Amino acid sequence: MAAISMQAVGKHFGKTEAIRNVGFDIRDGEFAVFVGPSGCGKSTLLRLIAGLEDVGTGTIAFDGRDVTELAPAERGVAMVFQSYALYPHMSAYDNMAFGLKLAKTDKRNIDDRVRDAARILQIEPLLDRKPRELSGGQRQRVAIGRAIVRQPRVFLFDEPLSNLDAALRMQMRIELKRLHRDLGTTMIYVTHDQVEAMTLADRIVVLNAGAVEQIGAPLALYHHPRNLFVAGFIGSPKMNFLAATVTACDASQVTLDLGTRRPVIAAVADTTRLRPGAKVTLGLRPEHLTDTLADAAQLDGEVIALEHLGSESYVHLACGHDESLVIKSVGDTAIEVGQRVSVAVPPRACYLFDETGTALLRPD
């Protein structure tokens, strides 16, 4: 296992700045997830940690030892890629053992490691099969087993589940959590899927345009996003954003004009940065909106789309803003497309962001 420290890490590809002044620590034995949109630099950062790309500026250290200039083989890392990259002519056993054979590891040691990894991953009956005889999930287990047998200090996963169907991705997420619990090894996982990030991570690193936007535990990012980008990226469906104007504020709440029948009241822990007339963005999560609070502000609109998912439904409401308002409802909702509905906005459900996109402190 290893604790990883990055100090002012940067990387350019020609004139393109892929990583910008990144610095943070990953604790020994932690499961860290890098998440962000395509092109944000998360895979590049993973490759810098692995040693597959040269660091442009800054340093990377494992347990206090500078590894910035070390080759991948000297860092004690094992990487699992999006593609399984298995040798088609080799059995699962031989695929898992291949790296150890190249390192001239003792045959008995190889056999012990391969069979132990197969036991952990529950693929012991599959060791004699070729990749073409395995399902996608089984192939991914073999690829992970190939990493386990190396007994690395750090596991690196680069979107390993993106080729699997939805049901199998869910199953593999559970398997990866169990694997981390059993091995206790430091793991870094890259994904663009915030659901994977929320379900797998001890801590999430949110990246955008090569820079770190926020680092924290999944629920900390969900409840207290630092800015508009994090608020819009963490949560599914994403947070609704509505332009608003401050009409009044006191020590604990802000009155907002959204063009609704009644002003919206938002609970805020610190209002010192606000004044009447200030332009703000109101954030509302679909799951926090309700039609049960008669004394709260009402947002009215016409239903333009419905998404029925069985246990829940998502209602898309056109309410006079640039984007439709998404509301989470019960699975068997009686709401229909074309119907006009009202939804209440509870004060403590409101997120506020100033003109720079920075979040205002919410009540605990």
Foldseek 3Di string as FASTA:
>chain_A
DWKKWWAQWWDDDVPATQAGGDTDIDDFLFEEEEAEDPSLNPVVVLCQLQQVDQTPDTFMDINNHTCNPPHNVVQQEFEQEQDLPADQVAFLLCSLLVVVVVVVHDPVLSVVLLCVLCVLLVNNVRRRHGPVVDDLLSSSSSSVSSRVSSVGQEYEYENNCPVDDPVSSVVVLVSVQSVSVVSSHHYYYYDHDLVSNLSRGCKYFYGGSNYTQDIDHLVCLQLPPFFDRSQQRHDPPGWDKAKWFWADDDQFWTWTDRPFPGTAIAGFNGCPVDDGGFIKIKIAHQAQKAPPDPPATKQKFFFADWAQDQQWIWTFGDRPGPGTHIHIGGNPDPDDGGDMDIIGDDRQRIWIAGPVRGTGHGDD
